[in-house]
PDB file of N, CA and C in Angstrom:
ATOM      1  N   MET A   1       1.259  -1.352   0.203  1.00  0.00           N
ATOM      2  CA  MET A   1       0.401   0.022   0.304  1.00  0.00           C
ATOM      3  C   MET A   1       0.628   1.243  -0.245  1.00  0.00           C
ATOM      4  N   ARG A   2       0.390   2.228  -1.074  1.00  0.00           N
ATOM      5  CA  ARG A   2       1.027   3.440  -0.701  1.00  0.00           C
ATOM      6  C   ARG A   2       0.023   4.397  -0.356  1.00  0.00           C
ATOM      7  N   ILE A   3       0.849   5.566   0.555  1.00  0.00           N
ATOM      8  CA  ILE A   3       0.081   6.253   1.330  1.00  0.00           C
ATOM      9  C   ILE A   3       0.524   7.806   1.021  1.00  0.00           C
ATOM     10  N   ARG A   4      -0.017   8.469   0.914  1.00  0.00           N
ATOM     11  CA  ARG A   4       0.027  10.322   0.204  1.00  0.00           C
ATOM     12  C   ARG A   4      -0.409  11.069   1.311  1.00  0.00           C
ATOM     13  N   LEU A   5       1.007  12.176   1.349  1.00  0.00           N
ATOM     14  CA  LEU A   5       0.382  13.471   1.794  1.00  0.00           C
ATOM     15  C   LEU A   5       0.004  14.449   1.314  1.00  0.00           C
ATOM     16  N   VAL A   6      -1.312  14.498   0.522  1.00  0.00           N
ATOM     17  CA  VAL A   6      -1.113  15.684  -0.295  1.00  0.00           C
ATOM     18  C   VAL A   6      -1.245  17.197   0.095  1.00  0.00           C
ATOM     19  N   CYS A   7      -0.467  18.054   0.650  1.00  0.00           N
ATOM     20  CA  CYS A   7      -0.961  19.434   1.071  1.00  0.00           C
ATOM     21  C   CYS A   7      -0.137  20.419  -0.104  1.00  0.00           C
ATOM     22  N   VAL A   8      -1.529  21.601   0.077  1.00  0.00           N
ATOM     23  CA  VAL A   8      -0.886  22.687  -0.901  1.00  0.00           C
ATOM     24  C   VAL A   8      -0.081  23.937   0.067  1.00  0.00           C
ATOM     25  N   GLY A   9       1.157  23.785  -0.510  1.00  0.00           N
ATOM     26  CA  GLY A   9       1.281  24.866   0.496  1.00  0.00           C
ATOM     27  C   GLY A   9       2.923  24.549   1.280  1.00  0.00           C
ATOM     28  N   ARG A  10       3.711  25.405   0.884  1.00  0.00           N
ATOM     29  CA  ARG A  10       5.036  24.404   1.887  1.00  0.00           C
ATOM     30  C   ARG A  10       4.963  24.807   3.498  1.00  0.00           C
ATOM     31  N   LEU A  11       5.554  23.830   4.133  1.00  0.00           N
ATOM     32  CA  LEU A  11       5.868  23.869   5.607  1.00  0.00           C
ATOM     33  C   LEU A  11       6.948  24.297   6.219  1.00  0.00           C
ATOM     34  N   LYS A  12       6.982  25.771   6.769  1.00  0.00           N
ATOM     35  CA  LYS A  12       8.333  25.966   7.425  1.00  0.00           C
ATOM     36  C   LYS A  12       8.752  25.161   8.501  1.00  0.00           C
ATOM     37  N   ASP A  13      10.409  25.567   8.777  1.00  0.00           N
ATOM     38  CA  ASP A  13      10.370  24.578   9.455  1.00  0.00           C
ATOM     39  C   ASP A  13      10.448  25.751  10.449  1.00  0.00           C
ATOM     40  N   GLY A  14       9.864  24.783  11.576  1.00  0.00           N
ATOM     41  CA  GLY A  14       9.764  24.522  12.988  1.00  0.00           C
ATOM     42  C   GLY A  14       8.258  24.379  13.050  1.00  0.00           C
ATOM     43  N   PRO A  15       7.448  24.030  13.945  1.00  0.00           N
ATOM     44  CA  PRO A  15       7.629  22.852  15.451  1.00  0.00           C
ATOM     45  C   PRO A  15       6.448  22.085  14.557  1.00  0.00           C
ATOM     46  N   GLU A  16       5.609  22.745  13.525  1.00  0.00           N
ATOM     47  CA  GLU A  16       4.378  21.542  12.216  1.00  0.00           C
ATOM     48  C   GLU A  16       5.298  21.091  11.850  1.00  0.00           C
ATOM     49  N   ARG A  17       6.935  21.391  11.483  1.00  0.00           N
ATOM     50  CA  ARG A  17       7.715  20.185   9.815  1.00  0.00           C
ATOM     51  C   ARG A  17       8.355  20.048  11.623  1.00  0.00           C
ATOM     52  N   ALA A  18       8.666  20.363  12.230  1.00  0.00           N
ATOM     53  CA  ALA A  18       9.302  18.945  13.402  1.00  0.00           C
ATOM     54  C   ALA A  18       8.018  17.135  13.213  1.00  0.00           C
ATOM     55  N   LEU A  19       6.924  18.689  13.503  1.00  0.00           N
ATOM     56  CA  LEU A  19       6.137  17.080  13.821  1.00  0.00           C
ATOM     57  C   LEU A  19       5.512  16.139  13.281  1.00  0.00           C
ATOM     58  N   VAL A  20       5.731  16.922  12.157  1.00  0.00           N
ATOM     59  CA  VAL A  20       5.401  16.204  10.644  1.00  0.00           C
ATOM     60  C   VAL A  20       6.341  15.317  10.188  1.00  0.00           C
ATOM     61  N   ASP A  21       7.877  15.366  10.305  1.00  0.00           N
ATOM     62  CA  ASP A  21       8.673  14.779  10.073  1.00  0.00           C
ATOM     63  C   ASP A  21       8.880  13.826  11.362  1.00  0.00           C
ATOM     64  N   ASP A  22       8.286  14.236  11.609  1.00  0.00           N
ATOM     65  CA  ASP A  22       8.703  12.400  13.413  1.00  0.00           C
ATOM     66  C   ASP A  22       7.395  11.951  13.023  1.00  0.00           C
ATOM     67  N   TYR A  23       6.323  12.013  12.155  1.00  0.00           N
ATOM     68  CA  TYR A  23       5.084  10.997  12.344  1.00  0.00           C
ATOM     69  C   TYR A  23       5.470  10.184  10.951  1.00  0.00           C
ATOM     70  N   LEU A  24       6.073  10.647   9.942  1.00  0.00           N
ATOM     71  CA  LEU A  24       6.589  10.625   8.505  1.00  0.00           C
ATOM     72  C   LEU A  24       7.595   9.769   9.015  1.00  0.00           C
ATOM     73  N   ALA A  25       8.595   9.543  10.175  1.00  0.00           N
ATOM     74  CA  ALA A  25       9.468   8.577  10.897  1.00  0.00           C
ATOM     75  C   ALA A  25       9.310   7.577  11.152  1.00  0.00           C
ATOM     76  N   ARG A  26       7.890   7.172  11.721  1.00  0.00           N
ATOM     77  CA  ARG A  26       7.667   6.923  12.274  1.00  0.00           C
ATOM     78  C   ARG A  26       6.738   5.632  11.628  1.00  0.00           C
ATOM     79  N   ALA A  27       6.060   5.936  11.019  1.00  0.00           N
ATOM     80  CA  ALA A  27       5.290   6.066   9.798  1.00  0.00           C
ATOM     81  C   ALA A  27       6.628   4.952   9.194  1.00  0.00           C
ATOM     82  N   ARG A  28       7.083   5.280   8.425  1.00  0.00           N
ATOM     83  CA  ARG A  28       8.025   4.717   7.808  1.00  0.00           C
ATOM     84  C   ARG A  28       8.940   3.071   8.333  1.00  0.00           C
ATOM     85  N   ARG A  29       9.296   3.453   9.647  1.00  0.00           N
ATOM     86  CA  ARG A  29       9.813   2.732  10.502  1.00  0.00           C
ATOM     87  C   ARG A  29       8.577   1.222  10.551  1.00  0.00           C
ATOM     88  N   THR A  30       7.336   1.311  11.031  1.00  0.00           N
ATOM     89  CA  THR A  30       6.926   0.868  11.688  1.00  0.00           C
ATOM     90  C   THR A  30       5.269  -0.074   9.584  1.00  0.00           C
ATOM     91  N   GLY A  31       5.708   1.173   9.212  1.00  0.00           N
ATOM     92  CA  GLY A  31       4.911   1.226   7.767  1.00  0.00           C
ATOM     93  C   GLY A  31       5.107  -0.673   7.463  1.00  0.00           C
ATOM     94  N   SER A  32       5.993  -1.306   6.983  1.00  0.00           N
ATOM     95  CA  SER A  32       6.275  -2.244   6.410  1.00  0.00           C
ATOM     96  C   SER A  32       6.537  -2.878   7.137  1.00  0.00           C
ATOM     97  N   SER A  33       5.691  -3.586   8.370  1.00  0.00           N
ATOM     98  CA  SER A  33       5.069  -4.809   9.038  1.00  0.00           C
ATOM     99  C   SER A  33       3.962  -4.348   9.060  1.00  0.00           C
ATOM    100  N   LEU A  34       3.460  -3.482   8.206  1.00  0.00           N
ATOM    101  CA  LEU A  34       1.594  -3.492   7.989  1.00  0.00           C
ATOM    102  C   LEU A  34       1.220  -3.115   6.835  1.00  0.00           C
ATOM    103  N   GLY A  35       2.429  -3.574   5.958  1.00  0.00           N
ATOM    104  CA  GLY A  35       2.000  -3.402   4.324  1.00  0.00           C
ATOM    105  C   GLY A  35       1.898  -2.455   4.035  1.00  0.00           C
ATOM    106  N   TRP A  36       2.554  -1.306   4.557  1.00  0.00           N
ATOM    107  CA  TRP A  36       2.700  -0.080   3.839  1.00  0.00           C
ATOM    108  C   TRP A  36       3.714  -0.266   2.901  1.00  0.00           C
ATOM    109  N   ARG A  37       3.770   0.133   1.220  1.00  0.00           N
ATOM    110  CA  ARG A  37       5.265   0.195   1.556  1.00  0.00           C
ATOM    111  C   ARG A  37       5.893   1.625   0.421  1.00  0.00           C
ATOM    112  N   GLU A  38       4.938   2.273   0.534  1.00  0.00           N
ATOM    113  CA  GLU A  38       5.290   3.804   0.279  1.00  0.00           C
ATOM    114  C   GLU A  38       4.458   5.006   0.978  1.00  0.00           C
ATOM    115  N   ILE A  39       5.574   5.870   2.041  1.00  0.00           N
ATOM    116  CA  ILE A  39       4.720   6.543   3.312  1.00  0.00           C
ATOM    117  C   ILE A  39       5.603   8.242   2.341  1.00  0.00           C
ATOM    118  N   THR A  40       4.894   8.586   1.567  1.00  0.00           N
ATOM    119  CA  THR A  40       5.082   9.662   1.613  1.00  0.00           C
ATOM    120  C   THR A  40       4.654  10.990   0.758  1.00  0.00           C
ATOM    121  N   GLU A  41       5.521  12.565   1.921  1.00  0.00           N
ATOM    122  CA  GLU A  41       4.984  13.972   1.487  1.00  0.00           C
ATOM    123  C   GLU A  41       5.025  14.620   0.770  1.00  0.00           C
ATOM    124  N   ILE A  42       4.271  14.771  -0.323  1.00  0.00           N
ATOM    125  CA  ILE A  42       3.704  15.987  -1.518  1.00  0.00           C
ATOM    126  C   ILE A  42       3.169  16.758  -2.131  1.00  0.00           C
ATOM    127  N   GLU A  43       4.198  18.020  -1.032  1.00  0.00           N
ATOM    128  CA  GLU A  43       3.789  20.044  -1.160  1.00  0.00           C
ATOM    129  C   GLU A  43       3.352  20.547  -2.847  1.00  0.00           C
ATOM    130  N   VAL A  44       2.860  20.963  -2.920  1.00  0.00           N
ATOM    131  CA  VAL A  44       1.880  22.133  -4.639  1.00  0.00           C
ATOM    132  C   VAL A  44       1.878  22.709  -4.292  1.00  0.00           C
ATOM    133  N   ALA A  45       2.038  23.308  -5.092  1.00  0.00           N
ATOM    134  CA  ALA A  45       2.902  25.130  -4.582  1.00  0.00           C
ATOM    135  C   ALA A  45       1.373  25.595  -4.191  1.00  0.00           C
ATOM    136  N   SER A  46       1.236  27.135  -3.783  1.00  0.00           N
ATOM    137  CA  SER A  46      -0.060  27.525  -2.929  1.00  0.00           C
ATOM    138  C   SER A  46      -0.174  28.235  -4.580  1.00  0.00           C
ATOM    139  N   GLY A  47      -1.693  29.568  -4.445  1.00  0.00           N
ATOM    140  CA  GLY A  47      -1.504  30.995  -4.846  1.00  0.00           C
ATOM    141  C   GLY A  47      -2.761  30.261  -7.026  1.00  0.00           C
ATOM    142  N   GLY A  48      -2.586  31.379  -7.137  1.00  0.00           N
ATOM    143  CA  GLY A  48      -3.499  30.895  -8.265  1.00  0.00           C
ATOM    144  C   GLY A  48      -4.739  30.938  -8.340  1.00  0.00           C
ATOM    145  N   GLY A  49      -5.435  31.384  -7.268  1.00  0.00           N
ATOM    146  CA  GLY A  49      -7.512  31.065  -6.545  1.00  0.00           C
ATOM    147  C   GLY A  49      -7.839  29.230  -5.920  1.00  0.00           C
ATOM    148  N   ILE A  50      -8.717  29.212  -5.956  1.00  0.00           N
ATOM    149  CA  ILE A  50      -9.370  27.749  -5.258  1.00  0.00           C
ATOM    150  C   ILE A  50      -8.531  26.496  -6.445  1.00  0.00           C
ATOM    151  N   GLU A  51      -9.681  27.225  -7.725  1.00  0.00           N
ATOM    152  CA  GLU A  51      -9.719  26.335  -8.619  1.00  0.00           C
ATOM    153  C   GLU A  51      -7.949  26.151  -9.012  1.00  0.00           C
ATOM    154  N   ARG A  52      -7.296  26.702  -8.787  1.00  0.00           N
ATOM    155  CA  ARG A  52      -5.972  26.109  -9.680  1.00  0.00           C
ATOM    156  C   ARG A  52      -4.947  25.318  -8.185  1.00  0.00           C
ATOM    157  N   GLU A  53      -5.280  25.980  -7.021  1.00  0.00           N
ATOM    158  CA  GLU A  53      -4.031  24.866  -6.201  1.00  0.00           C
ATOM    159  C   GLU A  53      -4.723  23.205  -6.449  1.00  0.00           C
ATOM    160  N   ALA A  54      -6.424  23.589  -6.538  1.00  0.00           N
ATOM    161  CA  ALA A  54      -7.238  21.945  -7.063  1.00  0.00           C
ATOM    162  C   ALA A  54      -7.212  20.611  -7.445  1.00  0.00           C
ATOM    163  N   ASP A  55      -6.311  22.021  -9.211  1.00  0.00           N
ATOM    164  CA  ASP A  55      -5.930  21.318 -10.560  1.00  0.00           C
ATOM    165  C   ASP A  55      -4.711  20.822  -9.706  1.00  0.00           C
ATOM    166  N   ARG A  56      -3.514  20.863  -9.597  1.00  0.00           N
ATOM    167  CA  ARG A  56      -2.965  20.750  -8.519  1.00  0.00           C
ATOM    168  C   ARG A  56      -2.888  19.573  -7.940  1.00  0.00           C
ATOM    169  N   LEU A  57      -3.869  19.379  -6.869  1.00  0.00           N
ATOM    170  CA  LEU A  57      -4.004  18.414  -5.724  1.00  0.00           C
ATOM    171  C   LEU A  57      -4.017  17.688  -6.822  1.00  0.00           C
ATOM    172  N   LEU A  58      -5.887  17.798  -7.555  1.00  0.00           N
ATOM    173  CA  LEU A  58      -5.572  16.378  -8.401  1.00  0.00           C
ATOM    174  C   LEU A  58      -4.564  15.572  -9.089  1.00  0.00           C
ATOM    175  N   GLU A  59      -4.001  16.697  -9.655  1.00  0.00           N
ATOM    176  CA  GLU A  59      -2.289  16.211 -10.718  1.00  0.00           C
ATOM    177  C   GLU A  59      -2.563  14.476 -10.146  1.00  0.00           C
ATOM    178  N   LYS A  60      -2.223  15.010  -8.612  1.00  0.00           N
ATOM    179  CA  LYS A  60      -0.860  13.997  -7.410  1.00  0.00           C
ATOM    180  C   LYS A  60      -1.870  13.405  -6.756  1.00  0.00           C
ATOM    181  N   LEU A  61      -2.951  13.194  -7.228  1.00  0.00           N
ATOM    182  CA  LEU A  61      -3.337  12.261  -7.027  1.00  0.00           C
ATOM    183  C   LEU A  61      -3.425  10.678  -6.862  1.00  0.00           C
ATOM    184  N   GLY A  62      -4.040  10.618  -8.519  1.00  0.00           N
ATOM    185  CA  GLY A  62      -4.461   9.526  -9.696  1.00  0.00           C
ATOM    186  C   GLY A  62      -5.164   9.314  -9.053  1.00  0.00           C
ATOM    187  N   ASP A  63      -5.156   7.512  -8.329  1.00  0.00           N
ATOM    188  CA  ASP A  63      -6.530   6.612  -8.510  1.00  0.00           C
ATOM    189  C   ASP A  63      -6.960   6.289  -6.939  1.00  0.00           C
ATOM    190  N   SER A  64      -6.001   7.215  -6.822  1.00  0.00           N
ATOM    191  CA  SER A  64      -5.999   7.222  -4.856  1.00  0.00           C
ATOM    192  C   SER A  64      -7.085   7.440  -4.352  1.00  0.00           C
ATOM    193  N   ILE A  65      -7.107   6.845  -3.206  1.00  0.00           N
ATOM    194  CA  ILE A  65      -8.927   6.430  -2.184  1.00  0.00           C
ATOM    195  C   ILE A  65      -8.619   8.118  -1.564  1.00  0.00           C
ATOM    196  N   VAL A  66      -9.793   9.172  -1.574  1.00  0.00           N
ATOM    197  CA  VAL A  66      -9.362  10.339  -1.433  1.00  0.00           C
ATOM    198  C   VAL A  66      -9.441  10.842   0.452  1.00  0.00           C
ATOM    199  N   ILE A  67      -8.717  11.224   1.394  1.00  0.00           N
ATOM    200  CA  ILE A  67      -9.275  11.748   3.093  1.00  0.00           C
ATOM    201  C   ILE A  67      -9.112  12.708   2.769  1.00  0.00           C
ATOM    202  N   ARG A  68      -9.716  13.698   3.397  1.00  0.00           N
ATOM    203  CA  ARG A  68      -9.847  14.744   3.043  1.00  0.00           C
ATOM    204  C   ARG A  68      -9.444  16.020   4.409  1.00  0.00           C
ATOM    205  N   LEU A  69      -8.755  15.844   4.677  1.00  0.00           N
ATOM    206  CA  LEU A  69      -8.706  16.792   6.269  1.00  0.00           C
ATOM    207  C   LEU A  69      -9.177  18.089   6.251  1.00  0.00           C
ATOM    208  N   ASP A  70      -9.981  18.341   7.227  1.00  0.00           N
ATOM    209  CA  ASP A  70     -10.638  18.965   6.903  1.00  0.00           C
ATOM    210  C   ASP A  70     -11.536  19.806   8.194  1.00  0.00           C
ATOM    211  N   GLU A  71     -11.550  20.564   8.827  1.00  0.00           N
ATOM    212  CA  GLU A  71     -11.773  21.021  10.322  1.00  0.00           C
ATOM    213  C   GLU A  71     -14.193  21.156  10.403  1.00  0.00           C
ATOM    214  N   THR A  72     -13.355  21.063   8.799  1.00  0.00           N
ATOM    215  CA  THR A  72     -15.544  21.310   9.575  1.00  0.00           C
ATOM    216  C   THR A  72     -15.858  19.502   8.704  1.00  0.00           C
ATOM    217  N   GLY A  73     -15.012  19.119   8.784  1.00  0.00           N
ATOM    218  CA  GLY A  73     -15.179  17.483   7.807  1.00  0.00           C
ATOM    219  C   GLY A  73     -16.067  16.691   8.936  1.00  0.00           C
ATOM    220  N   LYS A  74     -16.058  15.269   8.667  1.00  0.00           N
ATOM    221  CA  LYS A  74     -15.895  13.698   9.989  1.00  0.00           C
ATOM    222  C   LYS A  74     -15.002  12.941   9.708  1.00  0.00           C
ATOM    223  N   ALA A  75     -15.749  13.416  11.065  1.00  0.00           N
ATOM    224  CA  ALA A  75     -14.371  13.193  11.885  1.00  0.00           C
ATOM    225  C   ALA A  75     -14.659  11.277  12.487  1.00  0.00           C
ATOM    226  N   SER A  76     -13.783  10.381  12.468  1.00  0.00           N
ATOM    227  CA  SER A  76     -13.864   9.369  12.826  1.00  0.00           C
ATOM    228  C   SER A  76     -12.628   9.001  13.801  1.00  0.00           C
ATOM    229  N   THR A  77     -12.988   8.019  13.937  1.00  0.00           N
ATOM    230  CA  THR A  77     -12.097   6.981  15.289  1.00  0.00           C
ATOM    231  C   THR A  77     -11.158   6.685  14.276  1.00  0.00           C
ATOM    232  N   SER A  78      -9.456   6.246  15.583  1.00  0.00           N
ATOM    233  CA  SER A  78      -9.000   5.719  15.104  1.00  0.00           C
ATOM    234  C   SER A  78      -8.915   4.471  15.071  1.00  0.00           C
ATOM    235  N   GLU A  79      -9.931   3.848  14.934  1.00  0.00           N
ATOM    236  CA  GLU A  79     -10.362   2.457  14.917  1.00  0.00           C
ATOM    237  C   GLU A  79     -10.817   2.545  13.893  1.00  0.00           C
ATOM    238  N   ARG A  80     -11.283   3.389  13.299  1.00  0.00           N
ATOM    239  CA  ARG A  80     -12.518   2.631  12.358  1.00  0.00           C
ATOM    240  C   ARG A  80     -10.956   2.577  11.152  1.00  0.00           C
ATOM    241  N   LEU A  81     -10.738   4.579  11.162  1.00  0.00           N
ATOM    242  CA  LEU A  81      -9.531   4.747  10.528  1.00  0.00           C
ATOM    243  C   LEU A  81      -8.228   3.256  10.008  1.00  0.00           C
ATOM    244  N   ALA A  82      -8.528   3.019  10.860  1.00  0.00           N
ATOM    245  CA  ALA A  82      -7.410   1.672  11.359  1.00  0.00           C
ATOM    246  C   ALA A  82      -7.975   0.880  10.329  1.00  0.00           C
ATOM    247  N   ALA A  83      -8.829   0.498  10.677  1.00  0.00           N
ATOM    248  CA  ALA A  83      -9.726  -0.665  10.008  1.00  0.00           C
ATOM    249  C   ALA A  83     -10.430  -0.349   8.540  1.00  0.00           C
ATOM    250  N   ASP A  84     -10.067   1.114   8.166  1.00  0.00           N
ATOM    251  CA  ASP A  84     -10.125   1.726   6.862  1.00  0.00           C
ATOM    252  C   ASP A  84      -9.141   0.739   5.674  1.00  0.00           C
ATOM    253  N   LEU A  85      -8.139   1.323   6.611  1.00  0.00           N
ATOM    254  CA  LEU A  85      -6.561   1.232   5.793  1.00  0.00           C
ATOM    255  C   LEU A  85      -6.215   0.661   5.449  1.00  0.00           C
ATOM    256  N   ALA A  86      -6.554  -0.664   6.757  1.00  0.00           N
ATOM    257  CA  ALA A  86      -5.796  -2.404   6.305  1.00  0.00           C
ATOM    258  C   ALA A  86      -7.034  -3.000   5.540  1.00  0.00           C
ATOM    259  N   ARG A  87      -8.078  -2.949   5.565  1.00  0.00           N
ATOM    260  CA  ARG A  87      -9.424  -3.113   4.474  1.00  0.00           C
ATOM    261  C   ARG A  87      -8.868  -2.656   2.309  1.00  0.00           C
ATOM    262  N   TRP A  88      -8.358  -0.744   2.617  1.00  0.00           N
ATOM    263  CA  TRP A  88      -7.667  -0.321   1.387  1.00  0.00           C
ATOM    264  C   TRP A  88      -6.241  -1.463   1.206  1.00  0.00           C
ATOM    265  N   ARG A  89      -6.137  -1.014   2.373  1.00  0.00           N
ATOM    266  CA  ARG A  89      -3.709  -2.357   1.674  1.00  0.00           C
ATOM    267  C   ARG A  89      -4.096  -3.537   1.442  1.00  0.00           C
ATOM    268  N   ASP A  90      -4.867  -4.220   1.902  1.00  0.00           N
ATOM    269  CA  ASP A  90      -5.293  -6.417   1.099  1.00  0.00           C
ATOM    270  C   ASP A  90      -5.923  -6.209  -0.103  1.00  0.00           C
ATOM    271  N   ASP A  91      -6.993  -4.929  -0.119  1.00  0.00           N
ATOM    272  CA  ASP A  91      -7.420  -4.263  -1.526  1.00  0.00           C
ATOM    273  C   ASP A  91      -7.060  -4.063  -2.736  1.00  0.00           C
ATOM    274  N   GLY A  92      -5.715  -3.569  -2.373  1.00  0.00           N
ATOM    275  CA  GLY A  92      -4.712  -2.792  -3.150  1.00  0.00           C
ATOM    276  C   GLY A  92      -4.275  -1.447  -3.428  1.00  0.00           C
ATOM    277  N   ARG A  93      -4.953  -0.991  -2.401  1.00  0.00           N
ATOM    278  CA  ARG A  93      -5.354   0.086  -2.817  1.00  0.00           C
ATOM    279  C   ARG A  93      -4.751   1.480  -2.577  1.00  0.00           C
ATOM    280  N   GLU A  94      -5.234   2.695  -2.628  1.00  0.00           N
ATOM    281  CA  GLU A  94      -3.652   3.881  -2.606  1.00  0.00           C
ATOM    282  C   GLU A  94      -4.843   5.175  -1.695  1.00  0.00           C
ATOM    283  N   VAL A  95      -3.488   5.490  -0.400  1.00  0.00           N
ATOM    284  CA  VAL A  95      -4.179   6.342  -0.075  1.00  0.00           C
ATOM    285  C   VAL A  95      -4.070   8.297   0.085  1.00  0.00           C
ATOM    286  N   ALA A  96      -4.644   8.778  -0.626  1.00  0.00           N
ATOM    287  CA  ALA A  96      -3.962   9.677   0.018  1.00  0.00           C
ATOM    288  C   ALA A  96      -4.864  11.025   0.731  1.00  0.00           C
ATOM    289  N   PHE A  97      -3.878  11.113   1.366  1.00  0.00           N
ATOM    290  CA  PHE A  97      -4.440  12.456   2.506  1.00  0.00           C
ATOM    291  C   PHE A  97      -4.189  13.490   2.280  1.00  0.00           C
ATOM    292  N   VAL A  98      -5.328  14.804   2.409  1.00  0.00           N
ATOM    293  CA  VAL A  98      -5.504  15.305   1.754  1.00  0.00           C
ATOM    294  C   VAL A  98      -5.359  17.542   2.393  1.00  0.00           C
ATOM    295  N   ILE A  99      -5.364  17.730   2.379  1.00  0.00           N
ATOM    296  CA  ILE A  99      -4.588  19.266   3.407  1.00  0.00           C
ATOM    297  C   ILE A  99      -5.401  20.614   1.555  1.00  0.00           C
ATOM    298  N   GLY A 100      -6.295  20.986   1.784  1.00  0.00           N
ATOM    299  CA  GLY A 100      -6.284  22.325   0.929  1.00  0.00           C
ATOM    300  C   GLY A 100      -5.217  23.620   1.436  1.00  0.00           C
ATOM    301  N   GLY A 101      -5.737  24.754   0.836  1.00  0.00           N
ATOM    302  CA  GLY A 101      -4.916  25.516   1.125  1.00  0.00           C
ATOM    303  C   GLY A 101      -5.542  26.553   1.880  1.00  0.00           C
ATOM    304  N   ALA A 102      -5.111  28.262   1.674  1.00  0.00           N
ATOM    305  CA  ALA A 102      -5.686  28.658   3.402  1.00  0.00           C
ATOM    306  C   ALA A 102      -6.683  29.521   2.606  1.00  0.00           C
ATOM    307  N   ASP A 103      -6.989  29.085   2.164  1.00  0.00           N
ATOM    308  CA  ASP A 103      -8.239  30.022   1.172  1.00  0.00           C
ATOM    309  C   ASP A 103      -9.142  28.834   0.598  1.00  0.00           C
ATOM    310  N   GLY A 104      -8.775  27.523   1.083  1.00  0.00           N
ATOM    311  CA  GLY A 104     -10.436  26.750   0.839  1.00  0.00           C
ATOM    312  C   GLY A 104     -10.095  25.244   0.435  1.00  0.00           C
TER     313      GLY A 104
END
């Protein structure tokens, strides 16, 4: 299974960057035993309006199952997410967690 974290903009150095790096390192260490082939972070350029940012995001998604990370979205439990990831892995699917830009 391939997992992507696709986001608009570049995460600058600081506490957020350190957290992302820490979580990616943890996921890569334990991911192979869970059947994850690859975990990547993909940053796309911001700017040009919501439609242009959306186009740049879509270029990176391919046929991945898309999980949009949005503060107004539907919350999921850890158990549900783990079960979904296991099912998608077993089905040979790829997953992309998507974080949009500041404008939506």
